[in-house]
């Protein structure tokens, strides 16, 4: 559903949102293979807010030189 990976100076950050079917969505942030944040939501509006926060953080990281990986 949403999967963005950024790299900088040997470090990796991943931002993921996955559908869990009728059980809702998993919102996860990883840094260098560690899970930094993992939340399960059943309310789509909370997922939208999490996506907005991801996009803000991704924009800030790209301004600092992080590069998106295809």
PDB file of N, CA and C in Angstrom:
ATOM      1  N   UNK A   1       0.825  -1.180   0.000  1.00  0.00           N
ATOM      2  CA  UNK A   1       0.000   0.000   0.000  1.00  0.00           C
ATOM      3  C   UNK A   1       0.879   1.258   0.000  1.00  0.00           C
ATOM      4  N   UNK A   2       1.815   1.340   0.951  1.00  0.00           N
ATOM      5  CA  UNK A   2       2.801   2.426   0.975  1.00  0.00           C
ATOM      6  C   UNK A   2       4.116   1.834   1.443  1.00  0.00           C
ATOM      7  N   UNK A   3       5.167   2.066   0.685  1.00  0.00           N
ATOM      8  CA  UNK A   3       6.473   1.522   1.019  1.00  0.00           C
ATOM      9  C   UNK A   3       7.527   2.479   0.478  1.00  0.00           C
ATOM     10  N   UNK A   4       8.214   3.165   1.357  1.00  0.00           N
ATOM     11  CA  UNK A   4       9.232   4.132   0.937  1.00  0.00           C
ATOM     12  C   UNK A   4      10.512   3.827   1.700  1.00  0.00           C
ATOM     13  N   UNK A   5      11.623   3.749   0.963  1.00  0.00           N
ATOM     14  CA  UNK A   5      12.924   3.482   1.559  1.00  0.00           C
ATOM     15  C   UNK A   5      13.871   4.615   1.186  1.00  0.00           C
ATOM     16  N   UNK A   6      14.611   5.099   2.169  1.00  0.00           N
ATOM     17  CA  UNK A   6      15.592   6.161   1.968  1.00  0.00           C
ATOM     18  C   UNK A   6      16.951   5.694   2.478  1.00  0.00           C
ATOM     19  N   UNK A   7      18.021   6.161   1.816  1.00  0.00           N
ATOM     20  CA  UNK A   7      19.386   5.810   2.216  1.00  0.00           C
ATOM     21  C   UNK A   7      20.242   7.072   2.331  1.00  0.00           C
ATOM     22  N   UNK A   8      21.178   7.008   3.299  1.00  0.00           N
ATOM     23  CA  UNK A   8      22.126   8.111   3.481  1.00  0.00           C
ATOM     24  C   UNK A   8      23.289   7.604   4.330  1.00  0.00           C
ATOM     25  N   UNK A   9      24.487   7.766   3.837  1.00  0.00           N
ATOM     26  CA  UNK A   9      25.720   7.442   4.581  1.00  0.00           C
ATOM     27  C   UNK A   9      25.673   6.046   5.196  1.00  0.00           C
ATOM     28  N   UNK A  10      25.217   5.066   4.435  1.00  0.00           N
ATOM     29  CA  UNK A  10      25.186   3.696   4.915  1.00  0.00           C
ATOM     30  C   UNK A  10      24.011   3.339   5.802  1.00  0.00           C
ATOM     31  N   UNK A  11      23.111   4.277   6.006  1.00  0.00           N
ATOM     32  CA  UNK A  11      21.931   4.032   6.837  1.00  0.00           C
ATOM     33  C   UNK A  11      20.689   3.912   5.957  1.00  0.00           C
ATOM     34  N   UNK A  12      19.702   3.195   6.460  1.00  0.00           N
ATOM     35  CA  UNK A  12      18.459   2.958   5.719  1.00  0.00           C
ATOM     36  C   UNK A  12      17.282   3.264   6.634  1.00  0.00           C
ATOM     37  N   UNK A  13      16.283   3.953   6.089  1.00  0.00           N
ATOM     38  CA  UNK A  13      15.009   4.167   6.786  1.00  0.00           C
ATOM     39  C   UNK A  13      13.900   3.683   5.872  1.00  0.00           C
ATOM     40  N   UNK A  14      12.938   2.962   6.453  1.00  0.00           N
ATOM     41  CA  UNK A  14      11.784   2.484   5.685  1.00  0.00           C
ATOM     42  C   UNK A  14      10.511   2.925   6.369  1.00  0.00           C
ATOM     43  N   UNK A  15       9.552   3.307   5.556  1.00  0.00           N
ATOM     44  CA  UNK A  15       8.233   3.712   6.028  1.00  0.00           C
ATOM     45  C   UNK A  15       7.221   2.830   5.303  1.00  0.00           C
ATOM     46  N   UNK A  16       6.426   2.070   6.048  1.00  0.00           N
ATOM     47  CA  UNK A  16       5.515   1.105   5.436  1.00  0.00           C
ATOM     48  C   UNK A  16       4.113   1.206   6.026  1.00  0.00           C
ATOM     49  N   UNK A  17       3.132   1.077   5.164  1.00  0.00           N
ATOM     50  CA  UNK A  17       1.747   0.922   5.578  1.00  0.00           C
ATOM     51  C   UNK A  17       1.203  -0.263   4.800  1.00  0.00           C
ATOM     52  N   UNK A  18       0.711  -1.268   5.529  1.00  0.00           N
ATOM     53  CA  UNK A  18       0.228  -2.499   4.906  1.00  0.00           C
ATOM     54  C   UNK A  18      -1.204  -2.771   5.320  1.00  0.00           C
ATOM     55  N   UNK A  19      -2.004  -3.185   4.374  1.00  0.00           N
ATOM     56  CA  UNK A  19      -3.373  -3.595   4.669  1.00  0.00           C
ATOM     57  C   UNK A  19      -3.356  -4.963   5.328  1.00  0.00           C
ATOM     58  N   UNK A  20      -4.166  -5.115   6.353  1.00  0.00           N
ATOM     59  CA  UNK A  20      -4.324  -6.400   7.018  1.00  0.00           C
ATOM     60  C   UNK A  20      -5.751  -6.920   6.797  1.00  0.00           C
ATOM     61  N   UNK A  21      -6.334  -6.534   5.650  1.00  0.00           N
ATOM     62  CA  UNK A  21      -7.695  -6.966   5.326  1.00  0.00           C
ATOM     63  C   UNK A  21      -8.706  -6.362   6.297  1.00  0.00           C
ATOM     64  N   UNK A  22      -9.606  -7.168   6.763  1.00  0.00           N
ATOM     65  CA  UNK A  22     -10.646  -6.689   7.680  1.00  0.00           C
ATOM     66  C   UNK A  22     -10.099  -6.317   9.053  1.00  0.00           C
ATOM     67  N   UNK A  23      -8.846  -6.682   9.322  1.00  0.00           N
ATOM     68  CA  UNK A  23      -8.234  -6.379  10.616  1.00  0.00           C
ATOM     69  C   UNK A  23      -7.621  -4.986  10.667  1.00  0.00           C
ATOM     70  N   UNK A  24      -7.638  -4.252   9.566  1.00  0.00           N
ATOM     71  CA  UNK A  24      -7.132  -2.887   9.568  1.00  0.00           C
ATOM     72  C   UNK A  24      -5.830  -2.728   8.813  1.00  0.00           C
ATOM     73  N   UNK A  25      -4.912  -1.935   9.384  1.00  0.00           N
ATOM     74  CA  UNK A  25      -3.653  -1.593   8.729  1.00  0.00           C
ATOM     75  C   UNK A  25      -2.512  -1.628   9.735  1.00  0.00           C
ATOM     76  N   UNK A  26      -1.344  -2.004   9.237  1.00  0.00           N
ATOM     77  CA  UNK A  26      -0.134  -1.934  10.040  1.00  0.00           C
ATOM     78  C   UNK A  26       0.686  -0.755   9.537  1.00  0.00           C
ATOM     79  N   UNK A  27       1.085   0.107  10.451  1.00  0.00           N
ATOM     80  CA  UNK A  27       1.940   1.255  10.143  1.00  0.00           C
ATOM     81  C   UNK A  27       3.266   0.987  10.829  1.00  0.00           C
ATOM     82  N   UNK A  28       4.346   0.964  10.032  1.00  0.00           N
ATOM     83  CA  UNK A  28       5.652   0.579  10.585  1.00  0.00           C
ATOM     84  C   UNK A  28       6.750   1.487  10.052  1.00  0.00           C
ATOM     85  N   UNK A  29       7.662   1.832  10.936  1.00  0.00           N
ATOM     86  CA  UNK A  29       8.857   2.597  10.575  1.00  0.00           C
ATOM     87  C   UNK A  29      10.072   1.778  11.007  1.00  0.00           C
ATOM     88  N   UNK A  30      11.024   1.621  10.104  1.00  0.00           N
ATOM     89  CA  UNK A  30      12.241   0.857  10.386  1.00  0.00           C
ATOM     90  C   UNK A  30      13.458   1.734  10.155  1.00  0.00           C
ATOM     91  N   UNK A  31      14.487   1.479  10.936  1.00  0.00           N
ATOM     92  CA  UNK A  31      15.770   2.154  10.729  1.00  0.00           C
ATOM     93  C   UNK A  31      16.873   1.117  10.868  1.00  0.00           C
ATOM     94  N   UNK A  32      17.651   0.951   9.806  1.00  0.00           N
ATOM     95  CA  UNK A  32      18.764  -0.007   9.804  1.00  0.00           C
ATOM     96  C   UNK A  32      18.308  -1.383  10.308  1.00  0.00           C
ATOM     97  N   UNK A  33      17.240  -1.906   9.709  1.00  0.00           N
ATOM     98  CA  UNK A  33      16.712  -3.244   9.998  1.00  0.00           C
ATOM     99  C   UNK A  33      16.056  -3.387  11.370  1.00  0.00           C
ATOM    100  N   UNK A  34      15.942  -2.291  12.130  1.00  0.00           N
ATOM    101  CA  UNK A  34      15.258  -2.315  13.425  1.00  0.00           C
ATOM    102  C   UNK A  34      13.884  -1.692  13.269  1.00  0.00           C
ATOM    103  N   UNK A  35      12.899  -2.241  13.923  1.00  0.00           N
ATOM    104  CA  UNK A  35      11.572  -1.626  13.922  1.00  0.00           C
ATOM    105  C   UNK A  35      11.571  -0.530  14.980  1.00  0.00           C
ATOM    106  N   UNK A  36      11.367   0.705  14.521  1.00  0.00           N
ATOM    107  CA  UNK A  36      11.342   1.860  15.412  1.00  0.00           C
ATOM    108  C   UNK A  36       9.927   2.079  15.939  1.00  0.00           C
ATOM    109  N   UNK A  37       8.948   1.858  15.063  1.00  0.00           N
ATOM    110  CA  UNK A  37       7.542   2.055  15.442  1.00  0.00           C
ATOM    111  C   UNK A  37       6.698   1.064  14.652  1.00  0.00           C
ATOM    112  N   UNK A  38       5.762   0.434  15.343  1.00  0.00           N
ATOM    113  CA  UNK A  38       4.849  -0.499  14.698  1.00  0.00           C
ATOM    114  C   UNK A  38       3.499  -0.373  15.394  1.00  0.00           C
ATOM    115  N   UNK A  39       2.502   0.066  14.619  1.00  0.00           N
ATOM    116  CA  UNK A  39       1.176   0.321  15.179  1.00  0.00           C
ATOM    117  C   UNK A  39       0.129  -0.339  14.292  1.00  0.00           C
ATOM    118  N   UNK A  40      -0.873  -0.895  14.921  1.00  0.00           N
ATOM    119  CA  UNK A  40      -2.003  -1.496  14.203  1.00  0.00           C
ATOM    120  C   UNK A  40      -3.200  -0.557  14.364  1.00  0.00           C
ATOM    121  N   UNK A  41      -3.772  -0.120  13.234  1.00  0.00           N
ATOM    122  CA  UNK A  41      -4.939   0.756  13.258  1.00  0.00           C
ATOM    123  C   UNK A  41      -6.126   0.062  12.609  1.00  0.00           C
ATOM    124  N   UNK A  42      -7.302   0.340  13.133  1.00  0.00           N
ATOM    125  CA  UNK A  42      -8.536  -0.121  12.495  1.00  0.00           C
ATOM    126  C   UNK A  42      -9.318   1.066  11.934  1.00  0.00           C
ATOM    127  N   UNK A  43      -8.881   2.273  12.246  1.00  0.00           N
ATOM    128  CA  UNK A  43      -9.530   3.505  11.784  1.00  0.00           C
ATOM    129  C   UNK A  43      -8.722   4.117  10.644  1.00  0.00           C
ATOM    130  N   UNK A  44      -9.321   4.205   9.458  1.00  0.00           N
ATOM    131  CA  UNK A  44      -8.625   4.720   8.278  1.00  0.00           C
ATOM    132  C   UNK A  44      -8.111   6.140   8.486  1.00  0.00           C
ATOM    133  N   UNK A  45      -8.829   6.954   9.265  1.00  0.00           N
ATOM    134  CA  UNK A  45      -8.400   8.345   9.467  1.00  0.00           C
ATOM    135  C   UNK A  45      -7.064   8.411  10.215  1.00  0.00           C
ATOM    136  N   UNK A  46      -6.823   7.488  11.099  1.00  0.00           N
ATOM    137  CA  UNK A  46      -5.526   7.437  11.792  1.00  0.00           C
ATOM    138  C   UNK A  46      -4.412   7.031  10.818  1.00  0.00           C
ATOM    139  N   UNK A  47      -4.736   6.149   9.888  1.00  0.00           N
ATOM    140  CA  UNK A  47      -3.773   5.748   8.868  1.00  0.00           C
ATOM    141  C   UNK A  47      -3.426   6.950   7.988  1.00  0.00           C
ATOM    142  N   UNK A  48      -4.442   7.719   7.619  1.00  0.00           N
ATOM    143  CA  UNK A  48      -4.202   8.931   6.815  1.00  0.00           C
ATOM    144  C   UNK A  48      -3.291   9.905   7.555  1.00  0.00           C
ATOM    145  N   UNK A  49      -3.495  10.079   8.851  1.00  0.00           N
ATOM    146  CA  UNK A  49      -2.627  10.964   9.632  1.00  0.00           C
ATOM    147  C   UNK A  49      -1.199  10.425   9.693  1.00  0.00           C
ATOM    148  N   UNK A  50      -1.071   9.117   9.878  1.00  0.00           N
ATOM    149  CA  UNK A  50       0.263   8.507   9.913  1.00  0.00           C
ATOM    150  C   UNK A  50       0.968   8.694   8.570  1.00  0.00           C
ATOM    151  N   UNK A  51       0.238   8.529   7.472  1.00  0.00           N
ATOM    152  CA  UNK A  51       0.800   8.737   6.137  1.00  0.00           C
ATOM    153  C   UNK A  51       1.253  10.187   5.968  1.00  0.00           C
ATOM    154  N   UNK A  52       0.467  11.124   6.436  1.00  0.00           N
ATOM    155  CA  UNK A  52       0.851  12.534   6.378  1.00  0.00           C
ATOM    156  C   UNK A  52       2.132  12.801   7.156  1.00  0.00           C
ATOM    157  N   UNK A  53       2.251  12.188   8.334  1.00  0.00           N
ATOM    158  CA  UNK A  53       3.469  12.362   9.132  1.00  0.00           C
ATOM    159  C   UNK A  53       4.670  11.714   8.448  1.00  0.00           C
ATOM    160  N   UNK A  54       4.456  10.546   7.843  1.00  0.00           N
ATOM    161  CA  UNK A  54       5.529   9.915   7.076  1.00  0.00           C
ATOM    162  C   UNK A  54       5.997  10.844   5.965  1.00  0.00           C
ATOM    163  N   UNK A  55       5.059  11.411   5.218  1.00  0.00           N
ATOM    164  CA  UNK A  55       5.432  12.293   4.102  1.00  0.00           C
ATOM    165  C   UNK A  55       6.186  13.525   4.574  1.00  0.00           C
ATOM    166  N   UNK A  56       5.801  14.080   5.721  1.00  0.00           N
ATOM    167  CA  UNK A  56       6.547  15.219   6.281  1.00  0.00           C
ATOM    168  C   UNK A  56       7.974  14.813   6.634  1.00  0.00           C
ATOM    169  N   UNK A  57       8.111  13.685   7.323  1.00  0.00           N
ATOM    170  CA  UNK A  57       9.443  13.222   7.718  1.00  0.00           C
ATOM    171  C   UNK A  57      10.299  12.871   6.504  1.00  0.00           C
ATOM    172  N   UNK A  58       9.695  12.243   5.512  1.00  0.00           N
ATOM    173  CA  UNK A  58      10.422  11.893   4.286  1.00  0.00           C
ATOM    174  C   UNK A  58      10.918  13.164   3.598  1.00  0.00           C
ATOM    175  N   UNK A  59      10.083  14.178   3.520  1.00  0.00           N
ATOM    176  CA  UNK A  59      10.493  15.453   2.923  1.00  0.00           C
ATOM    177  C   UNK A  59      11.657  16.078   3.669  1.00  0.00           C
ATOM    178  N   UNK A  60      11.621  16.041   4.993  1.00  0.00           N
ATOM    179  CA  UNK A  60      12.716  16.595   5.798  1.00  0.00           C
ATOM    180  C   UNK A  60      14.008  15.814   5.573  1.00  0.00           C
ATOM    181  N   UNK A  61      13.883  14.478   5.533  1.00  0.00           N
ATOM    182  CA  UNK A  61      15.080  13.652   5.311  1.00  0.00           C
ATOM    183  C   UNK A  61      15.674  13.915   3.933  1.00  0.00           C
ATOM    184  N   UNK A  62      14.841  14.025   2.906  1.00  0.00           N
ATOM    185  CA  UNK A  62      15.344  14.303   1.565  1.00  0.00           C
ATOM    186  C   UNK A  62      16.031  15.663   1.509  1.00  0.00           C
ATOM    187  N   UNK A  63      15.534  16.626   2.257  1.00  0.00           N
ATOM    188  CA  UNK A  63      16.196  17.937   2.338  1.00  0.00           C
ATOM    189  C   UNK A  63      17.564  17.842   3.000  1.00  0.00           C
ATOM    190  N   UNK A  64      17.743  16.820   3.832  1.00  0.00           N
ATOM    191  CA  UNK A  64      19.028  16.618   4.519  1.00  0.00           C
ATOM    192  C   UNK A  64      19.979  15.729   3.724  1.00  0.00           C
ATOM    193  N   UNK A  65      19.538  15.300   2.537  1.00  0.00           N
ATOM    194  CA  UNK A  65      20.424  14.513   1.676  1.00  0.00           C
ATOM    195  C   UNK A  65      20.084  13.034   1.551  1.00  0.00           C
ATOM    196  N   UNK A  66      19.081  12.564   2.264  1.00  0.00           N
ATOM    197  CA  UNK A  66      18.659  11.172   2.106  1.00  0.00           C
ATOM    198  C   UNK A  66      18.093  10.996   0.702  1.00  0.00           C
ATOM    199  N   UNK A  67      18.305   9.810   0.126  1.00  0.00           N
ATOM    200  CA  UNK A  67      17.882   9.541  -1.249  1.00  0.00           C
ATOM    201  C   UNK A  67      16.899   8.380  -1.247  1.00  0.00           C
ATOM    202  N   UNK A  68      15.783   8.571  -1.964  1.00  0.00           N
ATOM    203  CA  UNK A  68      14.776   7.513  -2.083  1.00  0.00           C
ATOM    204  C   UNK A  68      15.309   6.403  -2.974  1.00  0.00           C
ATOM    205  N   UNK A  69      15.051   5.158  -2.564  1.00  0.00           N
ATOM    206  CA  UNK A  69      15.455   3.972  -3.319  1.00  0.00           C
ATOM    207  C   UNK A  69      14.223   3.435  -4.038  1.00  0.00           C
ATOM    208  N   UNK A  70      14.386   3.136  -5.328  1.00  0.00           N
ATOM    209  CA  UNK A  70      13.250   2.637  -6.110  1.00  0.00           C
ATOM    210  C   UNK A  70      12.867   1.242  -5.710  1.00  0.00           C
TER     211      UNK A  70
END
